[in-house]
């Protein structure tokens, strides 16, 4: 559970650094905005493919999102 919370914090931090809202990131990734919200709150355990998609649109590596 702690790892998912940290992952969510990392996604949120990187998203904000990129100047994106949850809605904008969701649109880029073709996800629902509520899914981004759940990820950022540590309520979902995303598969690698999802992390890869998010990292691509946040212009970072998956390893940067999972660095905790």
N, C-alpha and C. Protein backbone atom coordinates (compact mmCIF):
# COMPACT_ATOMS: atom_id res chain seq x y z
N UNK A 1 0.83 -1.20 0.00
CA UNK A 1 0.00 0.00 0.00
C UNK A 1 0.87 1.26 0.00
N UNK A 2 1.95 1.24 0.77
CA UNK A 2 2.82 2.41 0.81
C UNK A 2 3.47 2.66 -0.55
N UNK A 3 3.81 1.60 -1.24
CA UNK A 3 4.42 1.74 -2.57
C UNK A 3 3.45 2.37 -3.56
N UNK A 4 2.18 2.00 -3.49
CA UNK A 4 1.19 2.58 -4.40
C UNK A 4 0.97 4.05 -4.11
N UNK A 5 1.01 4.41 -2.84
CA UNK A 5 0.86 5.82 -2.46
C UNK A 5 2.04 6.62 -2.99
N UNK A 6 3.24 6.09 -2.83
CA UNK A 6 4.44 6.79 -3.32
C UNK A 6 4.42 6.88 -4.85
N UNK A 7 4.02 5.82 -5.51
CA UNK A 7 3.88 5.85 -6.97
C UNK A 7 2.93 6.97 -7.38
N UNK A 8 1.80 7.04 -6.73
CA UNK A 8 0.81 8.08 -7.02
C UNK A 8 1.37 9.47 -6.81
N UNK A 9 2.12 9.65 -5.74
CA UNK A 9 2.74 10.94 -5.47
C UNK A 9 3.73 11.30 -6.56
N UNK A 10 4.50 10.32 -7.01
CA UNK A 10 5.47 10.56 -8.08
C UNK A 10 4.78 10.94 -9.39
N UNK A 11 3.69 10.27 -9.70
CA UNK A 11 2.93 10.60 -10.91
C UNK A 11 2.40 12.02 -10.81
N UNK A 12 1.81 12.34 -9.66
CA UNK A 12 1.24 13.67 -9.47
C UNK A 12 2.31 14.76 -9.56
N UNK A 13 3.44 14.54 -8.92
CA UNK A 13 4.52 15.52 -8.95
C UNK A 13 4.99 15.75 -10.38
N UNK A 14 5.22 14.67 -11.10
CA UNK A 14 5.71 14.79 -12.48
C UNK A 14 4.65 15.45 -13.37
N UNK A 15 3.39 15.11 -13.16
CA UNK A 15 2.30 15.71 -13.95
C UNK A 15 2.28 17.23 -13.74
N UNK A 16 2.41 17.64 -12.50
CA UNK A 16 2.39 19.07 -12.21
C UNK A 16 3.62 19.76 -12.77
N UNK A 17 4.76 19.10 -12.72
CA UNK A 17 5.98 19.66 -13.33
C UNK A 17 5.80 19.88 -14.82
N UNK A 18 4.99 19.04 -15.45
CA UNK A 18 4.72 19.16 -16.88
C UNK A 18 3.60 20.17 -17.17
N UNK A 19 3.00 20.70 -16.11
CA UNK A 19 1.94 21.68 -16.29
C UNK A 19 0.63 21.11 -16.78
N UNK A 20 0.39 19.85 -16.46
CA UNK A 20 -0.83 19.18 -16.91
C UNK A 20 -1.82 18.99 -15.76
N UNK A 21 -3.10 19.07 -16.09
CA UNK A 21 -4.14 18.69 -15.13
C UNK A 21 -4.36 17.19 -15.24
N UNK A 22 -5.08 16.64 -14.29
CA UNK A 22 -5.42 15.22 -14.38
C UNK A 22 -6.21 14.94 -15.65
N UNK A 23 -7.10 15.85 -16.00
CA UNK A 23 -7.92 15.68 -17.19
C UNK A 23 -7.07 15.68 -18.46
N UNK A 24 -6.09 16.57 -18.51
CA UNK A 24 -5.22 16.64 -19.69
C UNK A 24 -4.37 15.38 -19.82
N UNK A 25 -3.82 14.92 -18.71
CA UNK A 25 -3.02 13.69 -18.75
C UNK A 25 -3.89 12.52 -19.16
N UNK A 26 -5.08 12.45 -18.62
CA UNK A 26 -6.00 11.36 -18.97
C UNK A 26 -6.30 11.36 -20.46
N UNK A 27 -6.53 12.54 -21.01
CA UNK A 27 -6.83 12.63 -22.44
C UNK A 27 -5.64 12.16 -23.28
N UNK A 28 -4.44 12.59 -22.91
CA UNK A 28 -3.25 12.18 -23.64
C UNK A 28 -3.07 10.66 -23.61
N UNK A 29 -3.34 10.07 -22.46
CA UNK A 29 -3.14 8.64 -22.27
C UNK A 29 -4.34 7.80 -22.70
N UNK A 30 -5.43 8.47 -23.04
CA UNK A 30 -6.69 7.80 -23.39
C UNK A 30 -7.23 6.98 -22.23
N UNK A 31 -7.15 7.57 -21.03
CA UNK A 31 -7.72 7.00 -19.80
C UNK A 31 -8.83 7.92 -19.33
N UNK A 32 -9.63 7.42 -18.40
CA UNK A 32 -10.63 8.26 -17.76
C UNK A 32 -9.94 9.13 -16.72
N UNK A 33 -10.37 10.39 -16.56
CA UNK A 33 -9.77 11.25 -15.53
C UNK A 33 -9.86 10.66 -14.13
N UNK A 34 -10.93 9.94 -13.86
CA UNK A 34 -11.06 9.33 -12.53
C UNK A 34 -9.98 8.28 -12.29
N UNK A 35 -9.52 7.63 -13.36
CA UNK A 35 -8.46 6.63 -13.21
C UNK A 35 -7.15 7.30 -12.80
N UNK A 36 -6.85 8.44 -13.40
CA UNK A 36 -5.64 9.19 -13.02
C UNK A 36 -5.75 9.60 -11.55
N UNK A 37 -6.90 10.05 -11.15
CA UNK A 37 -7.12 10.44 -9.76
C UNK A 37 -6.90 9.26 -8.82
N UNK A 38 -7.43 8.11 -9.18
CA UNK A 38 -7.26 6.90 -8.35
C UNK A 38 -5.79 6.49 -8.27
N UNK A 39 -5.09 6.60 -9.39
CA UNK A 39 -3.66 6.28 -9.40
C UNK A 39 -2.89 7.21 -8.47
N UNK A 40 -3.17 8.49 -8.58
CA UNK A 40 -2.45 9.48 -7.79
C UNK A 40 -2.73 9.34 -6.29
N UNK A 41 -3.87 8.81 -5.95
CA UNK A 41 -4.21 8.59 -4.53
C UNK A 41 -3.79 7.22 -4.03
N UNK A 42 -3.14 6.44 -4.90
CA UNK A 42 -2.66 5.13 -4.48
C UNK A 42 -3.75 4.09 -4.34
N UNK A 43 -4.85 4.30 -5.07
CA UNK A 43 -5.99 3.40 -4.97
C UNK A 43 -6.03 2.33 -6.06
N UNK A 44 -5.09 2.41 -7.00
CA UNK A 44 -5.01 1.43 -8.08
C UNK A 44 -3.59 0.94 -8.23
N UNK A 45 -3.45 -0.33 -8.62
CA UNK A 45 -2.15 -0.93 -8.88
C UNK A 45 -2.05 -1.13 -10.40
N UNK A 46 -1.45 -0.16 -11.10
CA UNK A 46 -1.47 -0.20 -12.56
C UNK A 46 -0.50 -1.23 -13.13
N UNK A 47 -0.87 -1.82 -14.26
CA UNK A 47 0.07 -2.71 -14.95
C UNK A 47 1.21 -1.90 -15.57
N UNK A 48 2.27 -2.58 -15.93
CA UNK A 48 3.43 -1.91 -16.51
C UNK A 48 3.05 -1.12 -17.76
N UNK A 49 2.17 -1.66 -18.56
CA UNK A 49 1.79 -0.97 -19.80
C UNK A 49 1.16 0.40 -19.50
N UNK A 50 0.40 0.48 -18.43
CA UNK A 50 -0.20 1.75 -18.03
C UNK A 50 0.88 2.72 -17.57
N UNK A 51 1.82 2.23 -16.75
CA UNK A 51 2.92 3.09 -16.30
C UNK A 51 3.75 3.57 -17.48
N UNK A 52 3.95 2.71 -18.44
CA UNK A 52 4.71 3.07 -19.63
C UNK A 52 4.02 4.18 -20.41
N UNK A 53 2.72 4.08 -20.56
CA UNK A 53 1.94 5.11 -21.26
C UNK A 53 2.01 6.43 -20.52
N UNK A 54 1.84 6.40 -19.21
CA UNK A 54 1.90 7.62 -18.42
C UNK A 54 3.29 8.25 -18.50
N UNK A 55 4.31 7.44 -18.35
CA UNK A 55 5.69 7.94 -18.40
C UNK A 55 5.97 8.60 -19.75
N UNK A 56 5.49 7.99 -20.82
CA UNK A 56 5.69 8.55 -22.16
C UNK A 56 5.12 9.96 -22.25
N UNK A 57 3.93 10.15 -21.72
CA UNK A 57 3.27 11.45 -21.82
C UNK A 57 3.77 12.44 -20.77
N UNK A 58 4.49 11.95 -19.77
CA UNK A 58 5.10 12.83 -18.78
C UNK A 58 6.58 13.04 -19.09
N UNK A 59 6.99 12.54 -20.25
CA UNK A 59 8.37 12.70 -20.73
C UNK A 59 9.39 12.26 -19.68
N UNK A 60 9.17 11.05 -19.17
CA UNK A 60 10.11 10.49 -18.20
C UNK A 60 10.16 8.97 -18.39
N UNK A 61 11.00 8.33 -17.63
CA UNK A 61 11.11 6.87 -17.66
C UNK A 61 10.22 6.28 -16.57
N UNK A 62 9.77 5.06 -16.80
CA UNK A 62 8.97 4.36 -15.78
C UNK A 62 9.74 4.30 -14.47
N UNK A 63 11.05 4.10 -14.57
CA UNK A 63 11.87 3.99 -13.38
C UNK A 63 11.83 5.27 -12.53
N UNK A 64 11.61 6.42 -13.17
CA UNK A 64 11.49 7.66 -12.40
C UNK A 64 10.19 7.69 -11.60
N UNK A 65 9.15 7.09 -12.12
CA UNK A 65 7.88 7.04 -11.41
C UNK A 65 7.90 6.03 -10.28
N UNK A 66 8.71 5.00 -10.46
CA UNK A 66 8.76 3.93 -9.44
C UNK A 66 9.97 4.04 -8.54
N UNK A 67 10.63 5.19 -8.55
CA UNK A 67 11.82 5.40 -7.72
C UNK A 67 11.40 5.79 -6.31
N UNK A 68 11.29 4.78 -5.47
CA UNK A 68 10.99 5.01 -4.06
C UNK A 68 11.59 3.90 -3.30
